Amino acid sequence: MSIFKSLSIFVLAGLFEIGGGYLIWLWLKEDKPYWYGIIGTFILALYGIIATWQTAEFGRVYAAYGGVFIIMALIWAWKIDGFKPDRYDIIGALIALTGVCIILFFPRPEIK
């Protein structure tokens, strides 16, 4: 799978996971209507489907996705909640992104 396609799937999955979780958060923590929770639950289920579009093994995909999620969660918090990441947030996110690239894209010896 191309790097662009793989990263696009990660971003789409991240939007669904964070967006669905955010709606549930608003319902339970900010007294929004119950249908926020219903829609959030549906969106989270779609996240689970989108993640299966990756071609790597399950464990590798979810390990790498953790790094992508860190970056996306910081961006979401910054743009939606007004949280301003500091330099340590940014350094940590870049380290996580480096780990994602190593996990997914570095060549491995073929096992026979």
Foldseek 3Di string as FASTA:
>chain_A
DDPVVLVVLLVQLLCLLVCLVVLCCCVPPVVDDCVSNVVSVVSNVVSVVSLVVDDDDPVLSVQLSVLVNLVVVQVCCCPPVVDDDDPVSVVSSVVSNVVSCCSPPDDDDDDD
